[in-house]
PDB file of N, CA and C in Angstrom:
ATOM      1  N   UNK A   1     -14.621   4.491  30.343  1.00  0.00           N
ATOM      2  CA  UNK A   1     -15.471   5.723  31.291  1.00  0.00           C
ATOM      3  C   UNK A   1     -14.506   6.402  32.068  1.00  0.00           C
ATOM      4  N   UNK A   2     -13.760   5.338  32.890  1.00  0.00           N
ATOM      5  CA  UNK A   2     -12.934   6.167  33.743  1.00  0.00           C
ATOM      6  C   UNK A   2     -11.587   6.878  33.275  1.00  0.00           C
ATOM      7  N   UNK A   3     -11.173   6.229  31.864  1.00  0.00           N
ATOM      8  CA  UNK A   3     -10.214   7.108  31.325  1.00  0.00           C
ATOM      9  C   UNK A   3     -10.328   8.453  30.217  1.00  0.00           C
ATOM     10  N   UNK A   4     -11.497   8.345  29.983  1.00  0.00           N
ATOM     11  CA  UNK A   4     -12.599   9.503  29.601  1.00  0.00           C
ATOM     12  C   UNK A   4     -12.441  10.678  30.821  1.00  0.00           C
ATOM     13  N   UNK A   5     -12.956  10.219  31.777  1.00  0.00           N
ATOM     14  CA  UNK A   5     -13.118  10.806  33.121  1.00  0.00           C
ATOM     15  C   UNK A   5     -12.194  11.776  33.689  1.00  0.00           C
ATOM     16  N   UNK A   6     -10.564  11.206  33.295  1.00  0.00           N
ATOM     17  CA  UNK A   6      -9.553  11.355  33.933  1.00  0.00           C
ATOM     18  C   UNK A   6      -8.944  12.254  32.942  1.00  0.00           C
ATOM     19  N   UNK A   7      -9.385  12.878  31.966  1.00  0.00           N
ATOM     20  CA  UNK A   7      -8.886  13.888  30.892  1.00  0.00           C
ATOM     21  C   UNK A   7      -8.794  15.232  31.885  1.00  0.00           C
ATOM     22  N   UNK A   8      -7.860  15.896  31.517  1.00  0.00           N
ATOM     23  CA  UNK A   8      -7.300  16.984  32.295  1.00  0.00           C
ATOM     24  C   UNK A   8      -8.639  18.308  32.341  1.00  0.00           C
ATOM     25  N   UNK A   9      -9.247  17.901  31.406  1.00  0.00           N
ATOM     26  CA  UNK A   9     -10.354  18.896  30.811  1.00  0.00           C
ATOM     27  C   UNK A   9     -11.485  18.771  32.033  1.00  0.00           C
ATOM     28  N   UNK A  10     -11.478  17.815  32.684  1.00  0.00           N
ATOM     29  CA  UNK A  10     -12.316  17.590  33.609  1.00  0.00           C
ATOM     30  C   UNK A  10     -11.987  17.867  35.055  1.00  0.00           C
ATOM     31  N   UNK A  11     -10.812  18.152  34.990  1.00  0.00           N
ATOM     32  CA  UNK A  11     -10.219  18.491  36.278  1.00  0.00           C
ATOM     33  C   UNK A  11      -9.999  17.385  37.646  1.00  0.00           C
ATOM     34  N   UNK A  12      -9.907  18.249  38.928  1.00  0.00           N
ATOM     35  CA  UNK A  12      -9.979  16.944  39.979  1.00  0.00           C
ATOM     36  C   UNK A  12     -11.579  16.532  40.113  1.00  0.00           C
ATOM     37  N   UNK A  13     -12.635  17.033  39.709  1.00  0.00           N
ATOM     38  CA  UNK A  13     -13.951  16.252  39.753  1.00  0.00           C
ATOM     39  C   UNK A  13     -13.976  15.246  38.732  1.00  0.00           C
ATOM     40  N   UNK A  14     -13.332  15.066  37.489  1.00  0.00           N
ATOM     41  CA  UNK A  14     -13.089  14.009  36.735  1.00  0.00           C
ATOM     42  C   UNK A  14     -12.421  12.891  37.443  1.00  0.00           C
ATOM     43  N   UNK A  15     -11.548  13.261  37.977  1.00  0.00           N
ATOM     44  CA  UNK A  15     -10.425  11.966  38.571  1.00  0.00           C
ATOM     45  C   UNK A  15     -10.942  11.766  39.887  1.00  0.00           C
ATOM     46  N   UNK A  16     -11.856  12.601  40.626  1.00  0.00           N
ATOM     47  CA  UNK A  16     -12.737  11.830  41.980  1.00  0.00           C
ATOM     48  C   UNK A  16     -13.673  10.677  41.236  1.00  0.00           C
ATOM     49  N   UNK A  17     -14.372  11.442  40.025  1.00  0.00           N
ATOM     50  CA  UNK A  17     -15.512  10.583  39.671  1.00  0.00           C
ATOM     51  C   UNK A  17     -14.804   9.253  39.212  1.00  0.00           C
ATOM     52  N   UNK A  18     -13.794   9.100  38.494  1.00  0.00           N
ATOM     53  CA  UNK A  18     -12.846   8.209  38.057  1.00  0.00           C
ATOM     54  C   UNK A  18     -12.708   6.939  38.945  1.00  0.00           C
ATOM     55  N   UNK A  19     -12.391   7.510  40.026  1.00  0.00           N
ATOM     56  CA  UNK A  19     -12.013   6.602  41.481  1.00  0.00           C
ATOM     57  C   UNK A  19     -13.276   6.129  41.763  1.00  0.00           C
ATOM     58  N   UNK A  20     -14.300   6.591  41.522  1.00  0.00           N
ATOM     59  CA  UNK A  20     -15.728   5.832  41.957  1.00  0.00           C
ATOM     60  C   UNK A  20     -16.517   5.043  40.998  1.00  0.00           C
ATOM     61  N   UNK A  21     -15.786   5.413  39.823  1.00  0.00           N
ATOM     62  CA  UNK A  21     -16.259   4.540  38.432  1.00  0.00           C
ATOM     63  C   UNK A  21     -16.389   3.207  38.364  1.00  0.00           C
ATOM     64  N   UNK A  22     -17.030   2.176  38.709  1.00  0.00           N
ATOM     65  CA  UNK A  22     -16.778   0.698  38.163  1.00  0.00           C
ATOM     66  C   UNK A  22     -17.789   0.025  37.262  1.00  0.00           C
ATOM     67  N   UNK A  23     -17.277  -0.794  36.887  1.00  0.00           N
ATOM     68  CA  UNK A  23     -18.352  -1.561  35.827  1.00  0.00           C
ATOM     69  C   UNK A  23     -19.797  -2.184  36.635  1.00  0.00           C
ATOM     70  N   UNK A  24     -19.573  -2.692  37.888  1.00  0.00           N
ATOM     71  CA  UNK A  24     -20.767  -2.750  38.573  1.00  0.00           C
ATOM     72  C   UNK A  24     -21.687  -1.404  38.810  1.00  0.00           C
ATOM     73  N   UNK A  25     -20.881  -0.416  39.402  1.00  0.00           N
ATOM     74  CA  UNK A  25     -21.981   0.488  39.187  1.00  0.00           C
ATOM     75  C   UNK A  25     -22.520   1.284  38.274  1.00  0.00           C
ATOM     76  N   UNK A  26     -21.915   1.258  36.844  1.00  0.00           N
ATOM     77  CA  UNK A  26     -22.365   1.652  35.656  1.00  0.00           C
ATOM     78  C   UNK A  26     -23.407   1.119  35.353  1.00  0.00           C
ATOM     79  N   UNK A  27     -23.363  -0.563  35.411  1.00  0.00           N
ATOM     80  CA  UNK A  27     -24.495  -1.697  34.917  1.00  0.00           C
ATOM     81  C   UNK A  27     -25.689  -1.294  36.071  1.00  0.00           C
ATOM     82  N   UNK A  28     -25.159  -1.131  37.220  1.00  0.00           N
ATOM     83  CA  UNK A  28     -26.321  -0.722  38.359  1.00  0.00           C
ATOM     84  C   UNK A  28     -27.181   0.396  37.710  1.00  0.00           C
ATOM     85  N   UNK A  29     -26.479   1.767  37.496  1.00  0.00           N
ATOM     86  CA  UNK A  29     -27.059   2.869  36.778  1.00  0.00           C
ATOM     87  C   UNK A  29     -28.029   2.476  35.612  1.00  0.00           C
ATOM     88  N   UNK A  30     -27.431   1.747  34.837  1.00  0.00           N
ATOM     89  CA  UNK A  30     -28.658   1.433  33.851  1.00  0.00           C
ATOM     90  C   UNK A  30     -29.512   0.517  33.880  1.00  0.00           C
ATOM     91  N   UNK A  31     -29.317  -0.518  34.890  1.00  0.00           N
ATOM     92  CA  UNK A  31     -30.199  -1.176  35.415  1.00  0.00           C
ATOM     93  C   UNK A  31     -31.255  -0.339  36.021  1.00  0.00           C
ATOM     94  N   UNK A  32     -30.979   0.802  36.996  1.00  0.00           N
ATOM     95  CA  UNK A  32     -32.222   1.508  37.757  1.00  0.00           C
ATOM     96  C   UNK A  32     -32.373   2.418  37.023  1.00  0.00           C
ATOM     97  N   UNK A  33     -31.843   2.872  35.595  1.00  0.00           N
ATOM     98  CA  UNK A  33     -32.896   3.715  34.570  1.00  0.00           C
ATOM     99  C   UNK A  33     -34.006   2.771  33.879  1.00  0.00           C
ATOM    100  N   UNK A  34     -33.392   1.669  33.371  1.00  0.00           N
ATOM    101  CA  UNK A  34     -34.452   0.972  32.655  1.00  0.00           C
ATOM    102  C   UNK A  34     -35.497   0.836  33.742  1.00  0.00           C
ATOM    103  N   UNK A  35     -35.518   0.406  34.983  1.00  0.00           N
ATOM    104  CA  UNK A  35     -36.235   0.096  35.889  1.00  0.00           C
ATOM    105  C   UNK A  35     -37.551   1.461  36.254  1.00  0.00           C
ATOM    106  N   UNK A  36     -36.760   2.382  36.539  1.00  0.00           N
ATOM    107  CA  UNK A  36     -37.687   4.042  36.603  1.00  0.00           C
ATOM    108  C   UNK A  36     -38.057   4.289  35.345  1.00  0.00           C
ATOM    109  N   UNK A  37     -38.016   3.782  34.207  1.00  0.00           N
ATOM    110  CA  UNK A  37     -38.424   4.599  33.032  1.00  0.00           C
ATOM    111  C   UNK A  37     -39.480   3.890  32.660  1.00  0.00           C
ATOM    112  N   UNK A  38     -39.607   2.447  33.178  1.00  0.00           N
ATOM    113  CA  UNK A  38     -40.960   1.384  32.794  1.00  0.00           C
ATOM    114  C   UNK A  38     -42.167   2.139  32.738  1.00  0.00           C
ATOM    115  N   UNK A  39     -43.043   2.167  31.999  1.00  0.00           N
ATOM    116  CA  UNK A  39     -42.796   0.889  30.762  1.00  0.00           C
ATOM    117  C   UNK A  39     -42.299   1.067  29.399  1.00  0.00           C
ATOM    118  N   UNK A  40     -41.644   2.515  29.763  1.00  0.00           N
ATOM    119  CA  UNK A  40     -40.654   2.744  28.267  1.00  0.00           C
ATOM    120  C   UNK A  40     -39.960   1.982  28.154  1.00  0.00           C
ATOM    121  N   UNK A  41     -39.330   1.334  27.248  1.00  0.00           N
ATOM    122  CA  UNK A  41     -38.476   0.441  26.430  1.00  0.00           C
ATOM    123  C   UNK A  41     -37.170   1.111  26.472  1.00  0.00           C
ATOM    124  N   UNK A  42     -36.036   1.333  27.646  1.00  0.00           N
ATOM    125  CA  UNK A  42     -35.027   1.961  27.596  1.00  0.00           C
ATOM    126  C   UNK A  42     -34.119   1.931  26.690  1.00  0.00           C
ATOM    127  N   UNK A  43     -33.942   0.348  26.097  1.00  0.00           N
ATOM    128  CA  UNK A  43     -32.892  -0.222  25.411  1.00  0.00           C
ATOM    129  C   UNK A  43     -33.145   0.729  24.075  1.00  0.00           C
ATOM    130  N   UNK A  44     -34.772   0.033  23.633  1.00  0.00           N
ATOM    131  CA  UNK A  44     -35.129   0.354  22.520  1.00  0.00           C
ATOM    132  C   UNK A  44     -34.962   1.987  22.027  1.00  0.00           C
ATOM    133  N   UNK A  45     -35.378   2.574  22.973  1.00  0.00           N
ATOM    134  CA  UNK A  45     -34.931   4.098  22.925  1.00  0.00           C
ATOM    135  C   UNK A  45     -33.762   4.827  22.762  1.00  0.00           C
ATOM    136  N   UNK A  46     -32.967   3.864  23.478  1.00  0.00           N
ATOM    137  CA  UNK A  46     -31.550   4.239  23.165  1.00  0.00           C
ATOM    138  C   UNK A  46     -31.256   3.616  22.134  1.00  0.00           C
ATOM    139  N   UNK A  47     -31.413   3.060  21.412  1.00  0.00           N
ATOM    140  CA  UNK A  47     -31.174   2.237  20.210  1.00  0.00           C
ATOM    141  C   UNK A  47     -31.686   3.394  19.016  1.00  0.00           C
ATOM    142  N   UNK A  48     -32.778   3.805  19.182  1.00  0.00           N
ATOM    143  CA  UNK A  48     -33.310   4.838  18.401  1.00  0.00           C
ATOM    144  C   UNK A  48     -32.368   5.994  18.701  1.00  0.00           C
ATOM    145  N   UNK A  49     -32.343   6.435  19.548  1.00  0.00           N
ATOM    146  CA  UNK A  49     -31.865   7.852  20.149  1.00  0.00           C
ATOM    147  C   UNK A  49     -30.514   8.081  19.731  1.00  0.00           C
ATOM    148  N   UNK A  50     -29.763   6.746  19.817  1.00  0.00           N
ATOM    149  CA  UNK A  50     -28.231   7.280  19.342  1.00  0.00           C
ATOM    150  C   UNK A  50     -27.911   6.591  18.005  1.00  0.00           C
ATOM    151  N   UNK A  51     -28.949   6.548  17.222  1.00  0.00           N
ATOM    152  CA  UNK A  51     -28.858   5.868  15.976  1.00  0.00           C
ATOM    153  C   UNK A  51     -28.480   7.390  15.192  1.00  0.00           C
ATOM    154  N   UNK A  52     -28.213   7.015  13.722  1.00  0.00           N
ATOM    155  CA  UNK A  52     -27.832   8.464  13.296  1.00  0.00           C
ATOM    156  C   UNK A  52     -26.958   9.346  13.325  1.00  0.00           C
ATOM    157  N   UNK A  53     -27.690  10.599  13.565  1.00  0.00           N
ATOM    158  CA  UNK A  53     -26.757  11.918  13.687  1.00  0.00           C
ATOM    159  C   UNK A  53     -25.992  11.766  15.063  1.00  0.00           C
ATOM    160  N   UNK A  54     -26.615  11.511  16.134  1.00  0.00           N
ATOM    161  CA  UNK A  54     -26.395  11.344  17.601  1.00  0.00           C
ATOM    162  C   UNK A  54     -24.934   9.821  17.804  1.00  0.00           C
ATOM    163  N   UNK A  55     -24.996   9.048  17.028  1.00  0.00           N
ATOM    164  CA  UNK A  55     -24.442   7.952  17.131  1.00  0.00           C
ATOM    165  C   UNK A  55     -22.644   8.513  16.232  1.00  0.00           C
ATOM    166  N   UNK A  56     -23.039   9.298  15.239  1.00  0.00           N
ATOM    167  CA  UNK A  56     -21.993  10.070  14.723  1.00  0.00           C
ATOM    168  C   UNK A  56     -21.288  11.053  15.698  1.00  0.00           C
ATOM    169  N   UNK A  57     -22.043  11.475  16.503  1.00  0.00           N
ATOM    170  CA  UNK A  57     -21.574  12.889  17.959  1.00  0.00           C
ATOM    171  C   UNK A  57     -20.577  11.693  18.368  1.00  0.00           C
ATOM    172  N   UNK A  58     -21.388  10.794  19.165  1.00  0.00           N
ATOM    173  CA  UNK A  58     -20.868   9.830  19.965  1.00  0.00           C
ATOM    174  C   UNK A  58     -19.496   9.223  19.334  1.00  0.00           C
ATOM    175  N   UNK A  59     -19.557   8.936  18.178  1.00  0.00           N
ATOM    176  CA  UNK A  59     -17.872   8.197  17.466  1.00  0.00           C
ATOM    177  C   UNK A  59     -17.126   9.465  17.734  1.00  0.00           C
ATOM    178  N   UNK A  60     -17.245  10.717  16.959  1.00  0.00           N
ATOM    179  CA  UNK A  60     -16.619  11.843  17.066  1.00  0.00           C
ATOM    180  C   UNK A  60     -15.941  12.309  18.454  1.00  0.00           C
ATOM    181  N   UNK A  61     -16.771  12.055  19.593  1.00  0.00           N
ATOM    182  CA  UNK A  61     -16.660  12.474  20.837  1.00  0.00           C
ATOM    183  C   UNK A  61     -15.724  10.953  21.461  1.00  0.00           C
ATOM    184  N   UNK A  62     -15.598  10.473  21.451  1.00  0.00           N
ATOM    185  CA  UNK A  62     -14.883   9.316  21.712  1.00  0.00           C
ATOM    186  C   UNK A  62     -13.225   9.364  21.041  1.00  0.00           C
ATOM    187  N   UNK A  63     -13.461   9.540  19.706  1.00  0.00           N
ATOM    188  CA  UNK A  63     -12.107   9.991  19.213  1.00  0.00           C
ATOM    189  C   UNK A  63     -11.382  11.109  19.468  1.00  0.00           C
ATOM    190  N   UNK A  64     -12.180  12.224  19.979  1.00  0.00           N
ATOM    191  CA  UNK A  64     -11.460  13.669  20.424  1.00  0.00           C
ATOM    192  C   UNK A  64     -10.928  12.966  21.619  1.00  0.00           C
ATOM    193  N   UNK A  65     -11.695  12.326  22.269  1.00  0.00           N
ATOM    194  CA  UNK A  65     -11.363  12.144  23.812  1.00  0.00           C
ATOM    195  C   UNK A  65      -9.619  11.357  23.889  1.00  0.00           C
ATOM    196  N   UNK A  66      -9.841  10.628  22.517  1.00  0.00           N
ATOM    197  CA  UNK A  66      -8.391   9.330  22.560  1.00  0.00           C
ATOM    198  C   UNK A  66      -7.408  10.479  22.200  1.00  0.00           C
ATOM    199  N   UNK A  67      -7.732  11.874  21.016  1.00  0.00           N
ATOM    200  CA  UNK A  67      -6.945  11.922  20.679  1.00  0.00           C
ATOM    201  C   UNK A  67      -6.093  13.109  21.855  1.00  0.00           C
ATOM    202  N   UNK A  68      -7.244  13.748  22.763  1.00  0.00           N
ATOM    203  CA  UNK A  68      -6.869  14.436  23.936  1.00  0.00           C
ATOM    204  C   UNK A  68      -6.010  13.544  25.078  1.00  0.00           C
ATOM    205  N   UNK A  69      -6.368  12.416  25.031  1.00  0.00           N
ATOM    206  CA  UNK A  69      -5.802  11.702  25.762  1.00  0.00           C
ATOM    207  C   UNK A  69      -4.053  11.245  25.545  1.00  0.00           C
ATOM    208  N   UNK A  70      -3.942  11.338  24.089  1.00  0.00           N
ATOM    209  CA  UNK A  70      -2.592  10.647  23.927  1.00  0.00           C
ATOM    210  C   UNK A  70      -1.822  12.215  24.012  1.00  0.00           C
ATOM    211  N   UNK A  71      -2.408  13.157  23.792  1.00  0.00           N
ATOM    212  CA  UNK A  71      -1.790  14.341  23.432  1.00  0.00           C
ATOM    213  C   UNK A  71      -1.258  14.774  24.988  1.00  0.00           C
ATOM    214  N   UNK A  72      -2.206  14.398  25.969  1.00  0.00           N
ATOM    215  CA  UNK A  72      -1.570  14.549  27.538  1.00  0.00           C
ATOM    216  C   UNK A  72      -0.690  13.500  27.719  1.00  0.00           C
ATOM    217  N   UNK A  73      -0.581  12.422  27.418  1.00  0.00           N
ATOM    218  CA  UNK A  73       0.263  11.332  27.371  1.00  0.00           C
ATOM    219  C   UNK A  73      -0.229  10.378  28.522  1.00  0.00           C
ATOM    220  N   UNK A  74      -1.808  10.390  28.617  1.00  0.00           N
ATOM    221  CA  UNK A  74      -2.327   9.548  28.919  1.00  0.00           C
ATOM    222  C   UNK A  74      -2.691   8.009  28.540  1.00  0.00           C
ATOM    223  N   UNK A  75      -2.416   7.135  29.190  1.00  0.00           N
ATOM    224  CA  UNK A  75      -2.194   5.821  28.920  1.00  0.00           C
ATOM    225  C   UNK A  75      -3.999   5.285  28.942  1.00  0.00           C
ATOM    226  N   UNK A  76      -4.492   5.072  27.485  1.00  0.00           N
ATOM    227  CA  UNK A  76      -5.962   5.356  27.643  1.00  0.00           C
ATOM    228  C   UNK A  76      -6.297   3.572  26.909  1.00  0.00           C
ATOM    229  N   UNK A  77      -6.041   2.401  27.216  1.00  0.00           N
ATOM    230  CA  UNK A  77      -5.949   1.149  26.263  1.00  0.00           C
ATOM    231  C   UNK A  77      -7.156   0.667  26.425  1.00  0.00           C
ATOM    232  N   UNK A  78      -8.185   0.867  26.819  1.00  0.00           N
ATOM    233  CA  UNK A  78      -9.547   0.658  26.881  1.00  0.00           C
ATOM    234  C   UNK A  78     -10.025   1.290  25.611  1.00  0.00           C
ATOM    235  N   UNK A  79     -10.032   2.747  25.358  1.00  0.00           N
ATOM    236  CA  UNK A  79     -10.716   3.664  24.693  1.00  0.00           C
ATOM    237  C   UNK A  79      -9.976   3.465  23.332  1.00  0.00           C
ATOM    238  N   UNK A  80      -8.467   2.996  23.613  1.00  0.00           N
ATOM    239  CA  UNK A  80      -7.990   2.973  22.500  1.00  0.00           C
ATOM    240  C   UNK A  80      -8.241   1.997  21.525  1.00  0.00           C
ATOM    241  N   UNK A  81      -8.842   0.724  21.983  1.00  0.00           N
ATOM    242  CA  UNK A  81      -9.332  -0.531  21.700  1.00  0.00           C
ATOM    243  C   UNK A  81     -11.133  -0.359  21.032  1.00  0.00           C
ATOM    244  N   UNK A  82     -11.545   0.451  22.128  1.00  0.00           N
ATOM    245  CA  UNK A  82     -13.000   1.021  21.573  1.00  0.00           C
ATOM    246  C   UNK A  82     -13.100   1.774  20.585  1.00  0.00           C
ATOM    247  N   UNK A  83     -12.239   2.571  20.408  1.00  0.00           N
ATOM    248  CA  UNK A  83     -12.125   3.804  18.830  1.00  0.00           C
ATOM    249  C   UNK A  83     -11.745   2.821  17.652  1.00  0.00           C
ATOM    250  N   UNK A  84     -10.386   1.599  17.926  1.00  0.00           N
ATOM    251  CA  UNK A  84     -10.415   0.715  16.594  1.00  0.00           C
ATOM    252  C   UNK A  84     -11.486   0.209  16.049  1.00  0.00           C
ATOM    253  N   UNK A  85     -12.361  -0.121  17.104  1.00  0.00           N
ATOM    254  CA  UNK A  85     -13.715  -0.744  16.400  1.00  0.00           C
ATOM    255  C   UNK A  85     -14.567  -0.121  15.895  1.00  0.00           C
ATOM    256  N   UNK A  86     -14.422   1.346  15.797  1.00  0.00           N
ATOM    257  CA  UNK A  86     -15.278   2.126  15.469  1.00  0.00           C
ATOM    258  C   UNK A  86     -15.325   1.915  13.839  1.00  0.00           C
ATOM    259  N   UNK A  87     -16.772   2.082  13.371  1.00  0.00           N
ATOM    260  CA  UNK A  87     -16.416   2.624  11.446  1.00  0.00           C
ATOM    261  C   UNK A  87     -15.445   3.357  10.861  1.00  0.00           C
ATOM    262  N   UNK A  88     -14.653   3.113  10.174  1.00  0.00           N
ATOM    263  CA  UNK A  88     -13.861   4.447   9.617  1.00  0.00           C
ATOM    264  C   UNK A  88     -14.856   5.606   9.495  1.00  0.00           C
ATOM    265  N   UNK A  89     -13.883   6.788   9.555  1.00  0.00           N
ATOM    266  CA  UNK A  89     -14.883   7.892   9.161  1.00  0.00           C
ATOM    267  C   UNK A  89     -14.551   8.244   7.740  1.00  0.00           C
TER     268      UNK A  89
END
């Protein structure tokens, strides 16, 4: 997430956001979301919503972010690893 936020397309706002993003913060965000939408099963909703078409769009977005980062000369080891684990398009 931090590597993605640092892309030039997001400018200084993305850079500032990347400095405030942490694994603990992201986990806390999703935990709060899960509590706030109860009794909706947030994990089940995301599994449903991010299946099929949206899942393919998510994969395309990650690949595009990696391509942009590489074109900018950005070091993106986490995104590189994540994209390498996606199904071949």
